[in-house]
Protein backbone atom coordinates (compact mmCIF):
# COMPACT_ATOMS: atom_id res chain seq x y z
CA UNK A 1 -105.64 -147.35 125.69
CA UNK A 2 -104.48 -150.36 127.72
CA UNK A 3 -103.32 -150.33 131.32
CA UNK A 4 -101.83 -153.80 131.78
CA UNK A 5 -102.13 -153.53 135.57
CA UNK A 6 -105.91 -153.15 135.51
CA UNK A 7 -107.05 -154.84 132.28
CA UNK A 8 -107.19 -158.27 133.91
CA UNK A 9 -107.08 -159.55 137.49
CA UNK A 10 -103.59 -160.95 136.85
CA UNK A 11 -102.24 -157.63 135.56
CA UNK A 12 -99.67 -159.31 133.32
CA UNK A 13 -98.71 -158.98 129.68
CA UNK A 14 -99.71 -162.60 129.03
CA UNK A 15 -103.18 -162.04 130.50
CA UNK A 16 -103.53 -158.74 128.61
CA UNK A 17 -102.66 -160.48 125.35
CA UNK A 18 -105.39 -163.08 125.89
CA UNK A 19 -107.94 -160.42 126.89
CA UNK A 20 -107.16 -158.26 123.86
CA UNK A 21 -107.37 -161.27 121.55
CA UNK A 22 -110.85 -161.99 122.94
CA UNK A 23 -111.83 -158.33 122.66
CA UNK A 24 -110.71 -158.21 119.04
CA UNK A 25 -113.24 -160.93 118.19
CA UNK A 26 -116.01 -158.44 119.05
CA UNK A 27 -114.45 -155.01 118.46
CA UNK A 28 -112.18 -154.07 115.59
CA UNK A 29 -109.05 -152.08 116.46
CA UNK A 30 -105.67 -151.83 114.78
CA UNK A 31 -103.52 -150.39 117.59
CA UNK A 32 -103.14 -150.56 121.35
CA UNK A 33 -101.56 -147.81 123.39
CA UNK A 34 -99.93 -149.29 126.48
CA UNK A 35 -99.83 -147.24 129.68
CA UNK A 36 -96.22 -146.97 130.92
CA UNK A 37 -94.79 -150.41 131.63
CA UNK A 38 -91.20 -149.35 132.34
CA UNK A 39 -89.67 -150.71 135.53
CA UNK A 40 -90.86 -148.36 138.23
CA UNK A 41 -90.05 -147.40 141.78
CA UNK A 42 -90.94 -149.68 144.66
CA UNK A 43 -94.18 -147.79 145.34
CA UNK A 44 -95.34 -148.65 141.81
CA UNK A 45 -95.87 -145.13 140.47
CA UNK A 46 -95.99 -145.38 136.65
CA UNK A 47 -94.57 -141.86 136.37
CA UNK A 48 -91.51 -142.77 138.46
CA UNK A 49 -89.44 -145.08 136.21
CA UNK A 50 -86.20 -146.53 137.52
CA UNK A 51 -85.11 -148.02 134.21
CA UNK A 52 -85.76 -146.86 130.69
CA UNK A 53 -84.86 -150.25 129.16
CA UNK A 54 -86.65 -152.71 131.44
CA UNK A 55 -90.24 -153.89 131.77
CA UNK A 56 -91.63 -153.69 135.28
CA UNK A 57 -91.46 -157.27 136.63
CA UNK A 58 -95.06 -156.95 137.88
CA UNK A 59 -96.14 -157.23 134.22
CA UNK A 60 -93.72 -159.94 133.12
CA UNK A 61 -90.32 -160.20 131.49
CA UNK A 62 -88.87 -158.66 128.35
CA UNK A 63 -89.55 -162.03 126.66
CA UNK A 64 -93.21 -161.75 127.76
CA UNK A 65 -93.30 -158.28 126.23
CA UNK A 66 -91.88 -159.57 122.93
CA UNK A 67 -94.54 -162.31 122.90
CA UNK A 68 -97.23 -159.70 123.58
CA UNK A 69 -96.04 -157.54 120.67
CA UNK A 70 -95.71 -160.56 118.36
CA UNK A 71 -99.23 -161.72 119.27
CA UNK A 72 -100.68 -158.28 118.59
CA UNK A 73 -98.80 -157.95 115.29
CA UNK A 74 -100.01 -161.40 114.20
CA UNK A 75 -103.55 -160.04 114.58
CA UNK A 76 -102.73 -156.88 112.63
CA UNK A 77 -102.57 -154.70 115.76
CA UNK A 78 -99.77 -152.20 116.26
CA UNK A 79 -98.35 -151.68 119.74
CA UNK A 80 -97.79 -148.10 120.83
CA UNK A 81 -95.91 -147.58 124.06
CA UNK A 82 -96.46 -144.63 126.38
CA UNK A 83 -93.08 -143.66 127.76
CA UNK A 84 -92.14 -141.38 130.68
CA UNK A 85 -89.03 -139.45 129.60
CA UNK A 86 -88.67 -136.48 131.90
CA UNK A 87 -88.09 -137.99 135.32
CA UNK A 88 -86.89 -140.97 137.30
CA UNK A 89 -87.98 -142.48 140.59
CA UNK A 90 -84.65 -141.59 142.17
CA UNK A 91 -85.87 -139.01 144.65
CA UNK A 92 -83.92 -135.84 145.35
CA UNK A 93 -80.99 -134.91 147.56
CA UNK A 94 -83.45 -134.10 150.37
CA UNK A 95 -85.36 -137.38 149.92
CA UNK A 96 -83.04 -139.80 148.11
CA UNK A 97 -84.23 -143.15 146.88
CA UNK A 98 -81.48 -145.09 145.15
CA UNK A 99 -83.12 -147.65 142.93
CA UNK A 100 -81.26 -147.40 139.64
CA UNK A 101 -79.48 -144.34 138.28
CA UNK A 102 -77.76 -142.99 141.41
CA UNK A 103 -74.04 -142.86 140.84
CA UNK A 104 -74.19 -141.44 137.33
CA UNK A 105 -72.97 -137.89 136.80
CA UNK A 106 -75.94 -135.90 138.08
CA UNK A 107 -74.97 -132.72 136.23
CA UNK A 108 -74.96 -134.61 132.93
CA UNK A 109 -78.35 -136.31 133.26
CA UNK A 110 -80.48 -134.44 135.78
CA UNK A 111 -81.77 -130.93 136.19
CA UNK A 112 -80.09 -129.24 139.11
CA UNK A 113 -81.91 -126.83 141.39
CA UNK A 114 -80.67 -123.40 142.46
CA UNK A 115 -78.68 -125.03 145.27
CA UNK A 116 -76.90 -127.33 142.81
CA UNK A 117 -78.76 -130.40 144.10
CA UNK A 118 -81.10 -132.68 142.20
CA UNK A 119 -84.33 -130.97 141.17
CA UNK A 120 -87.67 -132.62 141.90
CA UNK A 121 -89.89 -133.38 138.91
CA UNK A 122 -92.97 -132.25 140.83
CA UNK A 123 -94.16 -135.81 141.47
CA UNK A 124 -93.28 -137.15 144.94
CA UNK A 125 -89.94 -138.97 145.02
CA UNK A 126 -88.99 -138.19 141.41
CA UNK A 127 -85.99 -136.42 139.93
CA UNK A 128 -86.22 -134.26 136.82
CA UNK A 129 -84.08 -135.34 133.89
CA UNK A 130 -82.42 -132.71 131.73
CA UNK A 131 -83.82 -133.53 128.27
CA UNK A 132 -81.43 -131.07 126.60
CA UNK A 133 -78.22 -132.75 127.76
CA UNK A 134 -76.43 -134.93 125.23
CA UNK A 135 -76.01 -137.91 127.63
CA UNK A 136 -79.72 -137.82 128.51
CA UNK A 137 -80.77 -137.58 124.87
CA UNK A 138 -78.53 -140.56 124.05
CA UNK A 139 -79.89 -142.61 126.97
CA UNK A 140 -83.52 -141.97 126.06
CA UNK A 141 -83.01 -142.41 122.31
CA UNK A 142 -81.24 -145.72 122.91
CA UNK A 143 -84.14 -146.90 125.10
CA UNK A 144 -86.74 -146.02 122.47
CA UNK A 145 -84.64 -147.54 119.70
CA UNK A 146 -84.29 -150.74 121.73
CA UNK A 147 -88.05 -151.15 122.15
CA UNK A 148 -88.63 -150.42 118.45
CA UNK A 149 -85.86 -152.60 116.98
CA UNK A 150 -85.63 -155.45 119.51
CA UNK A 151 -89.27 -155.72 120.46
CA UNK A 152 -91.25 -154.42 117.48
CA UNK A 153 -92.99 -151.45 119.14
CA UNK A 154 -94.59 -149.44 116.33
CA UNK A 155 -94.80 -146.02 117.94
CA UNK A 156 -94.30 -144.09 121.16
CA UNK A 157 -96.39 -141.60 123.05
CA UNK A 158 -94.01 -139.46 125.06
CA UNK A 159 -95.25 -138.43 128.49
CA UNK A 160 -93.44 -135.33 129.64
CA UNK A 161 -95.47 -134.21 132.62
CA UNK A 162 -94.41 -130.65 131.85
CA UNK A 163 -90.75 -131.50 132.42
CA UNK A 164 -89.67 -130.31 128.99
CA UNK A 165 -90.41 -126.68 129.88
CA UNK A 166 -88.75 -126.73 133.31
CA UNK A 167 -85.36 -125.56 134.35
CA UNK A 168 -83.34 -122.47 135.09
CA UNK A 169 -82.85 -120.06 132.19
CA UNK A 170 -85.11 -122.23 130.02
CA UNK A 171 -82.36 -124.86 129.94
CA UNK A 172 -84.86 -127.57 129.14
């Protein structure tokens, strides 16, 4: 279980790759599970992603991520990616924070509260996605497919934070 932000003082993918290479000389492992590295809100909360396709710039670029995965695969180590799928760091109508997805059709992507406004995901400044809507399913599936096909991620660990069971009338 690797948290890139705390594995090394630099907190980057390049530094994590070097540290894991060194670790593998002493300890055998065949997979690493990365804590969420999706681009996140300005306050840095890993459970408040603002993009499902981008790597948080604090850790490096998408090219750095590809190099990390290639380095791990060259050593026989699979890369598993923990992925937050049930919320965004967009805030709610009461406390909006427009960092990425604002402007899309809220009723298609987000869970709406009883008032018809954006529903909080229970984490400060997050908005609950509606994982049963076709547009949301397409968005999330495309993001996962991109990391698997473009970057070589072997597997995903989906972090739901309870969001899958939320919603009026069991909608999600």
